[in-house]
Amino acid sequence: MPPSGPVDHVVTSGTFSLDGGTWEVDNNVWVVGDENEVVVVDAAHDLEKIAEAVAGRRVVAVVCTHAHDDHVNQAPQLSDRFDAPILLAAAEAPLWEMTWPDRKPDRELRDGDVIEAGGVRLRAITTPGHSPGSTCLYAEDLGTLFTGDTLFNGGPGATGRSYSSFDTIIDSIRDRLLTLPGDTVVRTGHGDSTTIGAELPHLEEWIRRGH
């Protein structure tokens, strides 16, 4: 599959397990960069499908928006295959260790960090709530935001499980994400993309419904 532009999109399928339950899920994996080098955002489920999207390019980093198992279950394999560091917020350690107790991420992902690949700059925006260290990646020049499971087409990510908080995710979305330009494309961890402008009017509705 040849690169189609600065953002390539792969959908992979597998399971998500936490708190004793397991669910079937489809995940969005984002490959961002140019014809020479890329960043992989959320290495989920299918190593070969992701490697096909990388298409022989240099992988600058494997960035994890958070450490739920469906977003990191291929991160070490991808890191090893492409000799690329795994980046993850330190607050995600308890979740990461549930899946990878014997392997640590290579670098801490901090608020404001900039990861560059193929002329694309991704700035880390810490947005806790879905999980303690959930982090979005903002490519201002592309008008694109990669939100993991923090903001979806239709509202906030789930907060009913361990290590999550609805009040915190609302604060993160309101203060860190909905302040971005309205035409910013929101590329999510699951499902369809949206824009900041499409989600902004619904903030009070989400607060009222409580999820």
Protein backbone atom coordinates (compact mmCIF):
# COMPACT_ATOMS: atom_id res chain seq x y z
CA MET A 1 0.00 0.00 0.00
CA PRO A 2 1.86 3.14 -1.14
CA PRO A 3 1.73 6.23 1.08
CA SER A 4 -1.28 8.40 0.25
CA GLY A 5 -0.21 11.67 1.86
CA PRO A 6 0.94 13.01 5.19
CA VAL A 7 -1.63 10.86 7.04
CA ASP A 8 -2.19 7.18 6.28
CA HIS A 9 -5.00 5.35 8.06
CA VAL A 10 -5.21 1.66 8.94
CA VAL A 11 -8.13 -0.01 10.71
CA THR A 12 -7.18 -3.08 12.74
CA SER A 13 -9.40 -5.45 14.71
CA GLY A 14 -8.92 -7.27 17.99
CA THR A 15 -9.99 -7.06 21.62
CA PHE A 16 -9.83 -4.64 24.53
CA SER A 17 -9.61 -6.07 28.05
CA LEU A 18 -9.86 -4.26 31.39
CA ASP A 19 -11.51 -4.81 34.77
CA GLY A 20 -12.28 -8.44 33.98
CA GLY A 21 -14.15 -7.79 30.73
CA THR A 22 -13.15 -8.24 27.09
CA TRP A 23 -14.72 -6.51 24.10
CA GLU A 24 -14.27 -6.79 20.33
CA VAL A 25 -12.94 -3.52 18.92
CA ASP A 26 -11.79 -1.90 15.68
CA ASN A 27 -8.94 0.56 16.15
CA ASN A 28 -7.65 3.41 14.02
CA VAL A 29 -3.89 3.37 13.52
CA TRP A 30 -2.38 6.55 12.08
CA VAL A 31 0.88 6.67 10.11
CA VAL A 32 2.01 10.29 9.79
CA GLY A 33 4.92 11.75 7.80
CA ASP A 34 6.22 11.73 4.23
CA GLU A 35 7.65 9.26 1.74
CA ASN A 36 10.82 8.83 3.82
CA GLU A 37 9.88 8.76 7.50
CA VAL A 38 6.81 8.46 9.69
CA VAL A 39 5.41 8.35 13.20
CA VAL A 40 3.02 5.52 14.05
CA VAL A 41 0.22 6.53 16.41
CA ASP A 42 -1.31 3.67 18.45
CA ALA A 43 0.09 0.33 17.27
CA ALA A 44 -3.00 -1.86 17.57
CA HIS A 45 -3.70 -5.54 16.91
CA ASP A 46 -2.15 -6.28 13.51
CA LEU A 47 1.60 -5.89 13.13
CA GLU A 48 1.70 -6.88 9.46
CA LYS A 49 -1.06 -4.50 8.43
CA ILE A 50 0.71 -1.62 10.18
CA ALA A 51 4.06 -2.59 8.64
CA GLU A 52 2.42 -2.60 5.22
CA ALA A 53 1.24 0.98 5.79
CA VAL A 54 4.74 2.00 6.89
CA ALA A 55 5.81 0.71 3.46
CA GLY A 56 9.53 0.59 4.14
CA ARG A 57 9.79 4.11 5.53
CA ARG A 58 11.86 4.93 8.61
CA VAL A 59 9.73 4.92 11.78
CA VAL A 60 10.81 7.88 13.94
CA ALA A 61 8.66 6.82 16.89
CA VAL A 62 5.82 4.59 17.98
CA VAL A 63 3.62 7.00 19.93
CA CYS A 64 0.95 5.69 22.30
CA THR A 65 -1.90 8.09 23.08
CA HIS A 66 -2.59 5.92 26.14
CA ALA A 67 -1.82 2.42 27.38
CA HIS A 68 -5.08 0.48 27.17
CA ASP A 69 -4.13 -2.88 25.70
CA ASP A 70 -5.94 -2.32 22.39
CA HIS A 71 -3.71 0.70 21.70
CA VAL A 72 -0.34 -0.81 22.70
CA ASN A 73 -0.55 -4.53 22.02
CA GLN A 74 1.74 -4.27 18.96
CA ALA A 75 3.98 -1.43 20.19
CA PRO A 76 7.00 -3.53 21.27
CA GLN A 77 6.89 -5.66 18.12
CA LEU A 78 6.68 -2.58 15.91
CA SER A 79 9.46 -0.91 17.89
CA ASP A 80 11.70 -3.94 17.47
CA ARG A 81 10.97 -4.40 13.78
CA PHE A 82 11.68 -0.76 12.87
CA ASP A 83 14.17 0.09 15.62
CA ALA A 84 11.91 2.93 16.78
CA PRO A 85 11.39 4.21 20.33
CA ILE A 86 8.05 3.80 22.12
CA LEU A 87 6.75 7.08 23.56
CA LEU A 88 4.17 7.10 26.37
CA ALA A 89 3.17 9.42 29.20
CA ALA A 90 4.59 8.36 32.57
CA ALA A 91 1.14 8.41 34.21
CA GLU A 92 0.13 5.50 31.97
CA ALA A 93 2.58 3.11 33.65
CA PRO A 94 -0.05 1.12 35.63
CA LEU A 95 -2.01 0.38 32.45
CA TRP A 96 1.08 -0.33 30.34
CA GLU A 97 2.35 -2.83 32.91
CA MET A 98 -0.88 -4.83 32.68
CA THR A 99 0.06 -5.71 29.09
CA TRP A 100 3.86 -5.40 29.10
CA PRO A 101 5.20 -6.01 32.64
CA ASP A 102 8.67 -6.86 31.33
CA ARG A 103 9.10 -4.09 28.77
CA LYS A 104 9.14 -0.36 29.47
CA PRO A 105 8.46 2.44 26.98
CA ASP A 106 11.66 4.04 25.69
CA ARG A 107 10.82 7.68 26.28
CA GLU A 108 8.38 9.65 28.39
CA LEU A 109 5.84 11.66 26.40
CA ARG A 110 5.35 15.04 28.09
CA ASP A 111 2.96 17.89 27.48
CA GLY A 112 4.40 20.18 24.81
CA ASP A 113 6.83 17.64 23.39
CA VAL A 114 7.20 17.88 19.62
CA ILE A 115 7.79 14.79 17.49
CA GLU A 116 8.83 15.44 13.89
CA ALA A 117 8.66 13.09 10.92
CA GLY A 118 8.86 14.00 7.27
CA GLY A 119 8.29 17.69 7.93
CA VAL A 120 5.20 17.06 10.05
CA ARG A 121 5.35 18.36 13.62
CA LEU A 122 3.18 16.61 16.21
CA ARG A 123 2.80 18.45 19.52
CA ALA A 124 1.77 16.47 22.57
CA ILE A 125 -1.24 17.81 24.49
CA THR A 126 -1.81 16.03 27.80
CA THR A 127 -5.53 15.28 28.20
CA PRO A 128 -6.14 13.00 31.20
CA GLY A 129 -9.55 11.52 31.92
CA HIS A 130 -10.05 8.44 29.79
CA SER A 131 -6.83 7.33 31.46
CA PRO A 132 -4.35 9.14 33.73
CA GLY A 133 -1.89 10.18 31.04
CA SER A 134 -3.96 10.21 27.85
CA THR A 135 -2.23 12.42 25.31
CA CYS A 136 -3.43 13.94 22.04
CA LEU A 137 -1.14 14.88 19.16
CA TYR A 138 -1.71 18.15 17.33
CA ALA A 139 -0.36 18.66 13.81
CA GLU A 140 -1.10 22.36 13.47
CA ASP A 141 0.24 22.63 9.92
CA LEU A 142 -2.10 19.84 8.82
CA GLY A 143 -5.06 21.18 10.80
CA THR A 144 -5.30 17.75 12.39
CA LEU A 145 -5.60 16.42 15.93
CA PHE A 146 -5.06 12.78 16.86
CA THR A 147 -7.16 12.22 19.98
CA GLY A 148 -6.80 8.55 20.85
CA ASP A 149 -9.77 7.81 23.10
CA THR A 150 -10.15 11.31 24.56
CA LEU A 151 -12.56 12.87 22.04
CA PHE A 152 -14.75 11.06 19.52
CA ASN A 153 -17.32 11.88 16.90
CA GLY A 154 -20.15 12.34 19.41
CA GLY A 155 -18.38 13.08 22.65
CA PRO A 156 -15.79 12.13 25.24
CA GLY A 157 -14.14 8.76 25.54
CA ALA A 158 -15.42 6.26 28.08
CA THR A 159 -14.72 6.94 31.74
CA GLY A 160 -16.55 4.11 33.49
CA ARG A 161 -13.52 1.90 34.11
CA SER A 162 -10.42 1.88 36.30
CA TYR A 163 -8.04 4.84 36.16
CA SER A 164 -10.61 7.10 34.46
CA SER A 165 -12.59 10.21 35.46
CA PHE A 166 -15.46 11.94 33.69
CA ASP A 167 -14.86 15.31 35.36
CA THR A 168 -11.21 15.16 34.34
CA ILE A 169 -11.89 14.28 30.70
CA ILE A 170 -14.40 17.14 30.45
CA ASP A 171 -11.80 19.56 31.80
CA SER A 172 -9.24 18.24 29.32
CA ILE A 173 -11.56 18.49 26.32
CA ARG A 174 -12.92 21.93 27.25
CA ASP A 175 -9.61 23.53 28.19
CA ARG A 176 -7.12 21.83 25.86
CA LEU A 177 -9.00 20.68 22.75
CA LEU A 178 -12.12 22.77 22.13
CA THR A 179 -9.91 25.88 22.15
CA LEU A 180 -8.26 24.73 18.90
CA PRO A 181 -9.49 26.10 15.53
CA GLY A 182 -12.97 24.87 14.64
CA ASP A 183 -11.89 23.41 11.30
CA THR A 184 -9.32 21.15 12.99
CA VAL A 185 -9.93 17.56 11.87
CA VAL A 186 -10.21 15.17 14.81
CA ARG A 187 -8.81 11.73 13.97
CA THR A 188 -9.93 9.37 16.69
CA GLY A 189 -8.83 6.05 18.17
CA HIS A 190 -12.01 4.31 17.01
CA GLY A 191 -14.71 5.17 14.50
CA ASP A 192 -15.21 8.16 12.24
CA SER A 193 -13.32 11.42 12.25
CA THR A 194 -14.98 14.72 13.17
CA THR A 195 -13.94 18.35 13.68
CA ILE A 196 -13.50 20.56 16.72
CA GLY A 197 -16.27 22.83 15.39
CA ALA A 198 -18.71 19.93 15.07
CA GLU A 199 -18.16 18.81 18.68
CA LEU A 200 -17.88 22.19 20.43
CA PRO A 201 -21.65 22.95 20.58
CA HIS A 202 -22.33 19.69 22.43
CA LEU A 203 -20.13 20.23 25.50
CA GLU A 204 -22.96 21.15 27.87
CA GLU A 205 -25.03 18.24 26.58
CA TRP A 206 -22.20 15.80 27.44
CA ILE A 207 -21.88 17.31 30.91
CA ARG A 208 -25.62 16.91 31.51
CA ARG A 209 -25.69 13.29 30.35
CA GLY A 210 -22.58 12.45 32.37
CA HIS A 211 -20.65 10.46 29.76
